[in-house]
Amino acid sequence: MFTGVAAASPSTWFPDFLQYMKGHDIRTDSVYLSLGDREEKTRNPVMATVGDCIREGYELLRCGWIRTILEWNPGNHFQNARVRTAKGFAWVMKNNAELGKNKK
């Protein structure tokens, strides 16, 4: 079990990814999602579904009472990857600290 997930530009467009999410419990308290605002603007029809897929995945997490956020960043999959990943880790750590305070 993980204490949190930081997913910067996750490949939610993979076939059956959302079906897997729907059929399995998320075993964490916090999930950070981010996507570049140009990632869904590709000519590849399968990869172009990434925006719709991440929106649906975000809603699944919210409906499952998982503390989550979806941030849109300027650019594509490869822009500012280090910064976006660091933002994700920072968000998870901050939320885990807040969850720890609330459980006491």
PDB file of N, CA and C in Angstrom:
ATOM      1  N   MET A   1       0.840  -1.178   0.000  1.00  0.00           N
ATOM      2  CA  MET A   1       0.000   0.000   0.000  1.00  0.00           C
ATOM      3  C   MET A   1       0.887   1.243   0.000  1.00  0.00           C
ATOM      4  N   PHE A   2       0.538   2.194  -0.841  1.00  0.00           N
ATOM      5  CA  PHE A   2       1.276   3.440  -0.922  1.00  0.00           C
ATOM      6  C   PHE A   2       0.575   4.500  -0.088  1.00  0.00           C
ATOM      7  N   THR A   3       1.335   5.447   0.424  1.00  0.00           N
ATOM      8  CA  THR A   3       0.720   6.534   1.179  1.00  0.00           C
ATOM      9  C   THR A   3       0.186   7.607   0.251  1.00  0.00           C
ATOM     10  N   GLY A   4       0.622   7.601  -0.989  1.00  0.00           N
ATOM     11  CA  GLY A   4       0.134   8.562  -1.967  1.00  0.00           C
ATOM     12  C   GLY A   4       0.675   8.239  -3.345  1.00  0.00           C
ATOM     13  N   VAL A   5       0.041   8.830  -4.338  1.00  0.00           N
ATOM     14  CA  VAL A   5       0.443   8.641  -5.730  1.00  0.00           C
ATOM     15  C   VAL A   5       0.590  10.004  -6.377  1.00  0.00           C
ATOM     16  N   ALA A   6       1.716  10.216  -7.050  1.00  0.00           N
ATOM     17  CA  ALA A   6       1.938  11.425  -7.842  1.00  0.00           C
ATOM     18  C   ALA A   6       2.054  10.977  -9.294  1.00  0.00           C
ATOM     19  N   ALA A   7       1.055  11.293 -10.084  1.00  0.00           N
ATOM     20  CA  ALA A   7       1.014  10.852 -11.483  1.00  0.00           C
ATOM     21  C   ALA A   7       1.064  12.062 -12.401  1.00  0.00           C
ATOM     22  N   ALA A   8       2.268  12.375 -12.879  1.00  0.00           N
ATOM     23  CA  ALA A   8       2.453  13.494 -13.799  1.00  0.00           C
ATOM     24  C   ALA A   8       2.432  12.934 -15.215  1.00  0.00           C
ATOM     25  N   SER A   9       1.416  13.281 -15.960  1.00  0.00           N
ATOM     26  CA  SER A   9       1.201  12.793 -17.331  1.00  0.00           C
ATOM     27  C   SER A   9       1.078  11.268 -17.394  1.00  0.00           C
ATOM     28  N   PRO A  10       0.189  10.691 -16.580  1.00  0.00           N
ATOM     29  CA  PRO A  10       0.030   9.241 -16.641  1.00  0.00           C
ATOM     30  C   PRO A  10      -0.619   8.811 -17.955  1.00  0.00           C
ATOM     31  N   SER A  11      -0.298   7.627 -18.377  1.00  0.00           N
ATOM     32  CA  SER A  11      -0.802   7.107 -19.654  1.00  0.00           C
ATOM     33  C   SER A  11      -2.176   6.482 -19.475  1.00  0.00           C
ATOM     34  N   THR A  12      -3.133   7.323 -19.123  1.00  0.00           N
ATOM     35  CA  THR A  12      -4.498   6.850 -18.892  1.00  0.00           C
ATOM     36  C   THR A  12      -5.184   6.410 -20.170  1.00  0.00           C
ATOM     37  N   TRP A  13      -4.567   6.687 -21.312  1.00  0.00           N
ATOM     38  CA  TRP A  13      -5.127   6.305 -22.603  1.00  0.00           C
ATOM     39  C   TRP A  13      -4.873   4.832 -22.925  1.00  0.00           C
ATOM     40  N   PHE A  14      -4.054   4.146 -22.143  1.00  0.00           N
ATOM     41  CA  PHE A  14      -3.806   2.721 -22.408  1.00  0.00           C
ATOM     42  C   PHE A  14      -5.135   1.979 -22.456  1.00  0.00           C
ATOM     43  N   PRO A  15      -5.281   1.035 -23.386  1.00  0.00           N
ATOM     44  CA  PRO A  15      -6.536   0.264 -23.470  1.00  0.00           C
ATOM     45  C   PRO A  15      -6.876  -0.391 -22.131  1.00  0.00           C
ATOM     46  N   ASP A  16      -8.110  -0.271 -21.736  1.00  0.00           N
ATOM     47  CA  ASP A  16      -8.664  -0.882 -20.517  1.00  0.00           C
ATOM     48  C   ASP A  16      -8.160  -0.282 -19.212  1.00  0.00           C
ATOM     49  N   PHE A  17      -7.431   0.832 -19.267  1.00  0.00           N
ATOM     50  CA  PHE A  17      -6.941   1.438 -18.035  1.00  0.00           C
ATOM     51  C   PHE A  17      -8.093   1.863 -17.126  1.00  0.00           C
ATOM     52  N   LEU A  18      -9.080   2.537 -17.687  1.00  0.00           N
ATOM     53  CA  LEU A  18     -10.211   2.984 -16.866  1.00  0.00           C
ATOM     54  C   LEU A  18     -11.031   1.806 -16.355  1.00  0.00           C
ATOM     55  N   GLN A  19     -11.172   0.781 -17.152  1.00  0.00           N
ATOM     56  CA  GLN A  19     -11.872  -0.428 -16.690  1.00  0.00           C
ATOM     57  C   GLN A  19     -11.153  -1.016 -15.486  1.00  0.00           C
ATOM     58  N   TYR A  20      -9.838  -1.020 -15.532  1.00  0.00           N
ATOM     59  CA  TYR A  20      -9.054  -1.522 -14.404  1.00  0.00           C
ATOM     60  C   TYR A  20      -9.313  -0.652 -13.160  1.00  0.00           C
ATOM     61  N   MET A  21      -9.300   0.669 -13.342  1.00  0.00           N
ATOM     62  CA  MET A  21      -9.572   1.557 -12.209  1.00  0.00           C
ATOM     63  C   MET A  21     -10.951   1.291 -11.608  1.00  0.00           C
ATOM     64  N   LYS A  22     -11.931   1.063 -12.472  1.00  0.00           N
ATOM     65  CA  LYS A  22     -13.296   0.825 -11.997  1.00  0.00           C
ATOM     66  C   LYS A  22     -13.418  -0.492 -11.247  1.00  0.00           C
ATOM     67  N   GLY A  23     -12.597  -1.460 -11.605  1.00  0.00           N
ATOM     68  CA  GLY A  23     -12.711  -2.787 -11.008  1.00  0.00           C
ATOM     69  C   GLY A  23     -11.801  -3.054  -9.826  1.00  0.00           C
ATOM     70  N   HIS A  24     -10.959  -2.096  -9.463  1.00  0.00           N
ATOM     71  CA  HIS A  24     -10.010  -2.297  -8.373  1.00  0.00           C
ATOM     72  C   HIS A  24     -10.026  -1.113  -7.418  1.00  0.00           C
ATOM     73  N   ASP A  25      -9.901  -1.407  -6.135  1.00  0.00           N
ATOM     74  CA  ASP A  25      -9.828  -0.352  -5.130  1.00  0.00           C
ATOM     75  C   ASP A  25      -8.488   0.360  -5.217  1.00  0.00           C
ATOM     76  N   ILE A  26      -8.522   1.669  -5.016  1.00  0.00           N
ATOM     77  CA  ILE A  26      -7.303   2.454  -4.915  1.00  0.00           C
ATOM     78  C   ILE A  26      -6.852   2.352  -3.460  1.00  0.00           C
ATOM     79  N   ARG A  27      -5.659   1.899  -3.239  1.00  0.00           N
ATOM     80  CA  ARG A  27      -5.177   1.666  -1.875  1.00  0.00           C
ATOM     81  C   ARG A  27      -4.236   2.766  -1.419  1.00  0.00           C
ATOM     82  N   THR A  28      -4.743   3.965  -1.444  1.00  0.00           N
ATOM     83  CA  THR A  28      -3.984   5.121  -0.978  1.00  0.00           C
ATOM     84  C   THR A  28      -4.971   6.210  -0.582  1.00  0.00           C
ATOM     85  N   ASP A  29      -4.497   7.186   0.148  1.00  0.00           N
ATOM     86  CA  ASP A  29      -5.362   8.274   0.592  1.00  0.00           C
ATOM     87  C   ASP A  29      -5.307   9.497  -0.316  1.00  0.00           C
ATOM     88  N   SER A  30      -4.197   9.673  -1.046  1.00  0.00           N
ATOM     89  CA  SER A  30      -3.990  10.891  -1.835  1.00  0.00           C
ATOM     90  C   SER A  30      -3.486  10.550  -3.233  1.00  0.00           C
ATOM     91  N   VAL A  31      -4.087  11.188  -4.240  1.00  0.00           N
ATOM     92  CA  VAL A  31      -3.641  10.993  -5.624  1.00  0.00           C
ATOM     93  C   VAL A  31      -3.553  12.347  -6.308  1.00  0.00           C
ATOM     94  N   TYR A  32      -2.356  12.674  -6.777  1.00  0.00           N
ATOM     95  CA  TYR A  32      -2.113  13.898  -7.544  1.00  0.00           C
ATOM     96  C   TYR A  32      -2.041  13.521  -9.015  1.00  0.00           C
ATOM     97  N   LEU A  33      -2.843  14.184  -9.827  1.00  0.00           N
ATOM     98  CA  LEU A  33      -2.837  13.960 -11.271  1.00  0.00           C
ATOM     99  C   LEU A  33      -2.489  15.267 -11.968  1.00  0.00           C
ATOM    100  N   SER A  34      -1.668  15.182 -12.993  1.00  0.00           N
ATOM    101  CA  SER A  34      -1.421  16.368 -13.810  1.00  0.00           C
ATOM    102  C   SER A  34      -1.265  15.954 -15.260  1.00  0.00           C
ATOM    103  N   LEU A  35      -1.620  16.881 -16.131  1.00  0.00           N
ATOM    104  CA  LEU A  35      -1.513  16.634 -17.563  1.00  0.00           C
ATOM    105  C   LEU A  35      -1.182  17.957 -18.237  1.00  0.00           C
ATOM    106  N   GLY A  36      -0.404  17.879 -19.290  1.00  0.00           N
ATOM    107  CA  GLY A  36      -0.122  19.069 -20.081  1.00  0.00           C
ATOM    108  C   GLY A  36      -1.332  19.431 -20.916  1.00  0.00           C
ATOM    109  N   ASP A  37      -1.594  20.713 -21.076  1.00  0.00           N
ATOM    110  CA  ASP A  37      -2.793  21.139 -21.788  1.00  0.00           C
ATOM    111  C   ASP A  37      -2.737  20.882 -23.292  1.00  0.00           C
ATOM    112  N   ARG A  38      -1.593  20.420 -23.797  1.00  0.00           N
ATOM    113  CA  ARG A  38      -1.481  20.080 -25.217  1.00  0.00           C
ATOM    114  C   ARG A  38      -1.441  18.575 -25.466  1.00  0.00           C
ATOM    115  N   GLU A  39      -1.452  17.777 -24.403  1.00  0.00           N
ATOM    116  CA  GLU A  39      -1.293  16.329 -24.567  1.00  0.00           C
ATOM    117  C   GLU A  39      -2.443  15.678 -25.331  1.00  0.00           C
ATOM    118  N   GLU A  40      -3.643  16.182 -25.157  1.00  0.00           N
ATOM    119  CA  GLU A  40      -4.781  15.582 -25.847  1.00  0.00           C
ATOM    120  C   GLU A  40      -4.949  16.126 -27.266  1.00  0.00           C
ATOM    121  N   LYS A  41      -4.106  17.058 -27.644  1.00  0.00           N
ATOM    122  CA  LYS A  41      -4.177  17.662 -28.983  1.00  0.00           C
ATOM    123  C   LYS A  41      -3.149  17.009 -29.911  1.00  0.00           C
ATOM    124  N   THR A  42      -3.265  15.720 -30.090  1.00  0.00           N
ATOM    125  CA  THR A  42      -2.363  14.967 -30.944  1.00  0.00           C
ATOM    126  C   THR A  42      -3.150  14.335 -32.084  1.00  0.00           C
ATOM    127  N   ARG A  43      -2.453  14.010 -33.137  1.00  0.00           N
ATOM    128  CA  ARG A  43      -3.124  13.369 -34.278  1.00  0.00           C
ATOM    129  C   ARG A  43      -3.413  11.892 -34.037  1.00  0.00           C
ATOM    130  N   ASN A  44      -2.694  11.298 -33.097  1.00  0.00           N
ATOM    131  CA  ASN A  44      -2.917   9.884 -32.796  1.00  0.00           C
ATOM    132  C   ASN A  44      -4.260   9.745 -32.073  1.00  0.00           C
ATOM    133  N   PRO A  45      -5.246   9.054 -32.688  1.00  0.00           N
ATOM    134  CA  PRO A  45      -6.591   9.008 -32.094  1.00  0.00           C
ATOM    135  C   PRO A  45      -6.647   8.308 -30.737  1.00  0.00           C
ATOM    136  N   VAL A  46      -5.782   7.350 -30.494  1.00  0.00           N
ATOM    137  CA  VAL A  46      -5.788   6.658 -29.194  1.00  0.00           C
ATOM    138  C   VAL A  46      -5.210   7.571 -28.119  1.00  0.00           C
ATOM    139  N   MET A  47      -4.065   8.170 -28.398  1.00  0.00           N
ATOM    140  CA  MET A  47      -3.439   9.059 -27.416  1.00  0.00           C
ATOM    141  C   MET A  47      -4.254  10.330 -27.193  1.00  0.00           C
ATOM    142  N   ALA A  48      -5.042  10.725 -28.177  1.00  0.00           N
ATOM    143  CA  ALA A  48      -5.869  11.926 -28.039  1.00  0.00           C
ATOM    144  C   ALA A  48      -6.954  11.763 -26.980  1.00  0.00           C
ATOM    145  N   THR A  49      -7.219  10.545 -26.548  1.00  0.00           N
ATOM    146  CA  THR A  49      -8.231  10.308 -25.513  1.00  0.00           C
ATOM    147  C   THR A  49      -7.704  10.577 -24.109  1.00  0.00           C
ATOM    148  N   VAL A  50      -6.421  10.916 -23.966  1.00  0.00           N
ATOM    149  CA  VAL A  50      -5.811  11.065 -22.649  1.00  0.00           C
ATOM    150  C   VAL A  50      -6.533  12.096 -21.781  1.00  0.00           C
ATOM    151  N   GLY A  51      -6.994  13.193 -22.378  1.00  0.00           N
ATOM    152  CA  GLY A  51      -7.702  14.210 -21.595  1.00  0.00           C
ATOM    153  C   GLY A  51      -9.016  13.701 -21.037  1.00  0.00           C
ATOM    154  N   ASP A  52      -9.811  13.084 -21.890  1.00  0.00           N
ATOM    155  CA  ASP A  52     -11.081  12.520 -21.423  1.00  0.00           C
ATOM    156  C   ASP A  52     -10.848  11.425 -20.390  1.00  0.00           C
ATOM    157  N   CYS A  53      -9.830  10.617 -20.623  1.00  0.00           N
ATOM    158  CA  CYS A  53      -9.542   9.514 -19.690  1.00  0.00           C
ATOM    159  C   CYS A  53      -9.098  10.027 -18.326  1.00  0.00           C
ATOM    160  N   ILE A  54      -8.242  11.059 -18.308  1.00  0.00           N
ATOM    161  CA  ILE A  54      -7.789  11.555 -17.006  1.00  0.00           C
ATOM    162  C   ILE A  54      -8.927  12.257 -16.265  1.00  0.00           C
ATOM    163  N   ARG A  55      -9.805  12.924 -17.004  1.00  0.00           N
ATOM    164  CA  ARG A  55     -10.979  13.541 -16.356  1.00  0.00           C
ATOM    165  C   ARG A  55     -11.868  12.468 -15.725  1.00  0.00           C
ATOM    166  N   GLU A  56     -12.090  11.388 -16.451  1.00  0.00           N
ATOM    167  CA  GLU A  56     -12.924  10.306 -15.912  1.00  0.00           C
ATOM    168  C   GLU A  56     -12.243   9.627 -14.723  1.00  0.00           C
ATOM    169  N   GLY A  57     -10.940   9.405 -14.837  1.00  0.00           N
ATOM    170  CA  GLY A  57     -10.204   8.813 -13.715  1.00  0.00           C
ATOM    171  C   GLY A  57     -10.260   9.696 -12.485  1.00  0.00           C
ATOM    172  N   TYR A  58     -10.136  10.993 -12.675  1.00  0.00           N
ATOM    173  CA  TYR A  58     -10.231  11.956 -11.577  1.00  0.00           C
ATOM    174  C   TYR A  58     -11.592  11.858 -10.889  1.00  0.00           C
ATOM    175  N   GLU A  59     -12.658  11.783 -11.680  1.00  0.00           N
ATOM    176  CA  GLU A  59     -13.995  11.660 -11.104  1.00  0.00           C
ATOM    177  C   GLU A  59     -14.174  10.346 -10.360  1.00  0.00           C
ATOM    178  N   LEU A  60     -13.599   9.275 -10.884  1.00  0.00           N
ATOM    179  CA  LEU A  60     -13.663   7.987 -10.180  1.00  0.00           C
ATOM    180  C   LEU A  60     -13.009   8.087  -8.808  1.00  0.00           C
ATOM    181  N   LEU A  61     -11.862   8.741  -8.750  1.00  0.00           N
ATOM    182  CA  LEU A  61     -11.161   8.903  -7.471  1.00  0.00           C
ATOM    183  C   LEU A  61     -11.991   9.752  -6.509  1.00  0.00           C
ATOM    184  N   ARG A  62     -12.521  10.850  -7.011  1.00  0.00           N
ATOM    185  CA  ARG A  62     -13.338  11.726  -6.154  1.00  0.00           C
ATOM    186  C   ARG A  62     -14.560  10.993  -5.618  1.00  0.00           C
ATOM    187  N   CYS A  63     -15.215  10.243  -6.470  1.00  0.00           N
ATOM    188  CA  CYS A  63     -16.404   9.499  -6.040  1.00  0.00           C
ATOM    189  C   CYS A  63     -16.049   8.394  -5.062  1.00  0.00           C
ATOM    190  N   GLY A  64     -14.813   7.953  -5.088  1.00  0.00           N
ATOM    191  CA  GLY A  64     -14.353   6.932  -4.152  1.00  0.00           C
ATOM    192  C   GLY A  64     -13.782   7.520  -2.878  1.00  0.00           C
ATOM    193  N   TRP A  65     -13.990   8.816  -2.668  1.00  0.00           N
ATOM    194  CA  TRP A  65     -13.549   9.527  -1.469  1.00  0.00           C
ATOM    195  C   TRP A  65     -12.037   9.533  -1.301  1.00  0.00           C
ATOM    196  N   ILE A  66     -11.335   9.550  -2.418  1.00  0.00           N
ATOM    197  CA  ILE A  66      -9.878   9.679  -2.387  1.00  0.00           C
ATOM    198  C   ILE A  66      -9.563  11.166  -2.502  1.00  0.00           C
ATOM    199  N   ARG A  67      -8.688  11.645  -1.653  1.00  0.00           N
ATOM    200  CA  ARG A  67      -8.262  13.048  -1.741  1.00  0.00           C
ATOM    201  C   ARG A  67      -7.432  13.187  -3.012  1.00  0.00           C
ATOM    202  N   THR A  68      -7.895  13.997  -3.940  1.00  0.00           N
ATOM    203  CA  THR A  68      -7.239  14.072  -5.246  1.00  0.00           C
ATOM    204  C   THR A  68      -7.318  15.481  -5.821  1.00  0.00           C
ATOM    205  N   ILE A  69      -6.440  15.724  -6.765  1.00  0.00           N
ATOM    206  CA  ILE A  69      -6.408  16.980  -7.500  1.00  0.00           C
ATOM    207  C   ILE A  69      -5.998  16.664  -8.933  1.00  0.00           C
ATOM    208  N   LEU A  70      -6.519  17.425  -9.862  1.00  0.00           N
ATOM    209  CA  LEU A  70      -6.103  17.329 -11.261  1.00  0.00           C
ATOM    210  C   LEU A  70      -5.639  18.709 -11.682  1.00  0.00           C
ATOM    211  N   GLU A  71      -4.352  18.819 -11.987  1.00  0.00           N
ATOM    212  CA  GLU A  71      -3.782  20.091 -12.426  1.00  0.00           C
ATOM    213  C   GLU A  71      -3.429  20.019 -13.901  1.00  0.00           C
ATOM    214  N   TRP A  72      -3.776  21.067 -14.611  1.00  0.00           N
ATOM    215  CA  TRP A  72      -3.415  21.215 -16.016  1.00  0.00           C
ATOM    216  C   TRP A  72      -2.219  22.146 -16.090  1.00  0.00           C
ATOM    217  N   ASN A  73      -1.205  21.710 -16.814  1.00  0.00           N
ATOM    218  CA  ASN A  73       0.019  22.486 -16.955  1.00  0.00           C
ATOM    219  C   ASN A  73       0.210  22.879 -18.413  1.00  0.00           C
ATOM    220  N   PRO A  74       0.881  24.002 -18.654  1.00  0.00           N
ATOM    221  CA  PRO A  74       1.135  24.381 -20.039  1.00  0.00           C
ATOM    222  C   PRO A  74       2.096  23.396 -20.704  1.00  0.00           C
ATOM    223  N   GLY A  75       1.798  23.052 -21.944  1.00  0.00           N
ATOM    224  CA  GLY A  75       2.732  22.239 -22.711  1.00  0.00           C
ATOM    225  C   GLY A  75       2.283  20.810 -22.931  1.00  0.00           C
ATOM    226  N   ASN A  76       3.252  20.025 -23.370  1.00  0.00           N
ATOM    227  CA  ASN A  76       2.986  18.632 -23.705  1.00  0.00           C
ATOM    228  C   ASN A  76       3.578  17.692 -22.655  1.00  0.00           C
ATOM    229  N   HIS A  77       3.625  16.432 -22.990  1.00  0.00           N
ATOM    230  CA  HIS A  77       4.077  15.375 -22.083  1.00  0.00           C
ATOM    231  C   HIS A  77       5.497  15.600 -21.565  1.00  0.00           C
ATOM    232  N   PHE A  78       6.340  16.202 -22.377  1.00  0.00           N
ATOM    233  CA  PHE A  78       7.759  16.297 -22.037  1.00  0.00           C
ATOM    234  C   PHE A  78       8.164  17.644 -21.439  1.00  0.00           C
ATOM    235  N   GLN A  79       7.272  18.612 -21.411  1.00  0.00           N
ATOM    236  CA  GLN A  79       7.631  19.921 -20.891  1.00  0.00           C
ATOM    237  C   GLN A  79       7.578  19.955 -19.376  1.00  0.00           C
ATOM    238  N   ASN A  80       8.644  20.448 -18.792  1.00  0.00           N
ATOM    239  CA  ASN A  80       8.740  20.658 -17.340  1.00  0.00           C
ATOM    240  C   ASN A  80       8.430  19.411 -16.526  1.00  0.00           C
ATOM    241  N   ALA A  81       8.862  18.262 -17.017  1.00  0.00           N
ATOM    242  CA  ALA A  81       8.551  16.996 -16.337  1.00  0.00           C
ATOM    243  C   ALA A  81       9.077  16.963 -14.907  1.00  0.00           C
ATOM    244  N   ARG A  82      10.263  17.466 -14.682  1.00  0.00           N
ATOM    245  CA  ARG A  82      10.836  17.444 -13.322  1.00  0.00           C
ATOM    246  C   ARG A  82      10.023  18.311 -12.369  1.00  0.00           C
ATOM    247  N   VAL A  83       9.665  19.496 -12.825  1.00  0.00           N
ATOM    248  CA  VAL A  83       8.894  20.414 -11.977  1.00  0.00           C
ATOM    249  C   VAL A  83       7.521  19.820 -11.681  1.00  0.00           C
ATOM    250  N   ARG A  84       6.883  19.267 -12.702  1.00  0.00           N
ATOM    251  CA  ARG A  84       5.549  18.698 -12.512  1.00  0.00           C
ATOM    252  C   ARG A  84       5.593  17.503 -11.559  1.00  0.00           C
ATOM    253  N   THR A  85       6.620  16.690 -11.676  1.00  0.00           N
ATOM    254  CA  THR A  85       6.765  15.546 -10.772  1.00  0.00           C
ATOM    255  C   THR A  85       7.011  16.019  -9.345  1.00  0.00           C
ATOM    256  N   ALA A  86       7.874  17.023  -9.188  1.00  0.00           N
ATOM    257  CA  ALA A  86       8.146  17.565  -7.853  1.00  0.00           C
ATOM    258  C   ALA A  86       6.879  18.168  -7.243  1.00  0.00           C
ATOM    259  N   LYS A  87       6.084  18.874  -8.042  1.00  0.00           N
ATOM    260  CA  LYS A  87       4.822  19.427  -7.544  1.00  0.00           C
ATOM    261  C   LYS A  87       3.906  18.311  -7.046  1.00  0.00           C
ATOM    262  N   GLY A  88       3.901  17.200  -7.769  1.00  0.00           N
ATOM    263  CA  GLY A  88       3.079  16.064  -7.357  1.00  0.00           C
ATOM    264  C   GLY A  88       3.517  15.481  -6.032  1.00  0.00           C
ATOM    265  N   PHE A  89       4.819  15.258  -5.879  1.00  0.00           N
ATOM    266  CA  PHE A  89       5.337  14.723  -4.617  1.00  0.00           C
ATOM    267  C   PHE A  89       5.055  15.685  -3.463  1.00  0.00           C
ATOM    268  N   ALA A  90       5.249  16.995  -3.702  1.00  0.00           N
ATOM    269  CA  ALA A  90       4.995  17.982  -2.652  1.00  0.00           C
ATOM    270  C   ALA A  90       3.524  17.977  -2.244  1.00  0.00           C
ATOM    271  N   TRP A  91       2.625  17.879  -3.232  1.00  0.00           N
ATOM    272  CA  TRP A  91       1.196  17.856  -2.920  1.00  0.00           C
ATOM    273  C   TRP A  91       0.839  16.622  -2.085  1.00  0.00           C
ATOM    274  N   VAL A  92       1.363  15.470  -2.466  1.00  0.00           N
ATOM    275  CA  VAL A  92       1.082  14.232  -1.720  1.00  0.00           C
ATOM    276  C   VAL A  92       1.609  14.344  -0.291  1.00  0.00           C
ATOM    277  N   MET A  93       2.838  14.834  -0.120  1.00  0.00           N
ATOM    278  CA  MET A  93       3.400  14.954   1.229  1.00  0.00           C
ATOM    279  C   MET A  93       2.583  15.918   2.082  1.00  0.00           C
ATOM    280  N   LYS A  94       2.178  17.050   1.500  1.00  0.00           N
ATOM    281  CA  LYS A  94       1.376  18.023   2.241  1.00  0.00           C
ATOM    282  C   LYS A  94       0.037  17.408   2.652  1.00  0.00           C
ATOM    283  N   ASN A  95      -0.609  16.713   1.741  1.00  0.00           N
ATOM    284  CA  ASN A  95      -1.906  16.118   2.056  1.00  0.00           C
ATOM    285  C   ASN A  95      -1.788  14.982   3.045  1.00  0.00           C
ATOM    286  N   ASN A  96      -0.729  14.213   2.971  1.00  0.00           N
ATOM    287  CA  ASN A  96      -0.526  13.155   3.960  1.00  0.00           C
ATOM    288  C   ASN A  96      -0.299  13.744   5.336  1.00  0.00           C
ATOM    289  N   ALA A  97       0.417  14.867   5.409  1.00  0.00           N
ATOM    290  CA  ALA A  97       0.620  15.524   6.698  1.00  0.00           C
ATOM    291  C   ALA A  97      -0.711  16.018   7.252  1.00  0.00           C
ATOM    292  N   GLU A  98      -1.539  16.590   6.398  1.00  0.00           N
ATOM    293  CA  GLU A  98      -2.860  17.057   6.836  1.00  0.00           C
ATOM    294  C   GLU A  98      -3.739  15.890   7.265  1.00  0.00           C
ATOM    295  N   LEU A  99      -3.683  14.799   6.526  1.00  0.00           N
ATOM    296  CA  LEU A  99      -4.477  13.615   6.908  1.00  0.00           C
ATOM    297  C   LEU A  99      -4.014  13.073   8.257  1.00  0.00           C
ATOM    298  N   GLY A 100      -2.717  13.097   8.489  1.00  0.00           N
ATOM    299  CA  GLY A 100      -2.177  12.629   9.764  1.00  0.00           C
ATOM    300  C   GLY A 100      -2.664  13.472  10.918  1.00  0.00           C
ATOM    301  N   LYS A 101      -2.747  14.781  10.717  1.00  0.00           N
ATOM    302  CA  LYS A 101      -3.244  15.684  11.767  1.00  0.00           C
ATOM    303  C   LYS A 101      -4.715  15.408  12.056  1.00  0.00           C
ATOM    304  N   ASN A 102      -5.478  15.130  11.017  1.00  0.00           N
ATOM    305  CA  ASN A 102      -6.918  14.895  11.177  1.00  0.00           C
ATOM    306  C   ASN A 102      -7.225  13.559  11.846  1.00  0.00           C
ATOM    307  N   LYS A 103      -6.310  12.599  11.745  1.00  0.00           N
ATOM    308  CA  LYS A 103      -6.553  11.284  12.326  1.00  0.00           C
ATOM    309  C   LYS A 103      -6.255  11.242  13.803  1.00  0.00           C
ATOM    310  N   LYS A 104      -5.538  12.247  14.309  1.00  0.00           N
ATOM    311  CA  LYS A 104      -5.154  12.256  15.724  1.00  0.00           C
ATOM    312  C   LYS A 104      -6.287  12.720  16.603  1.00  0.00           C
TER     313      LYS A 104
END
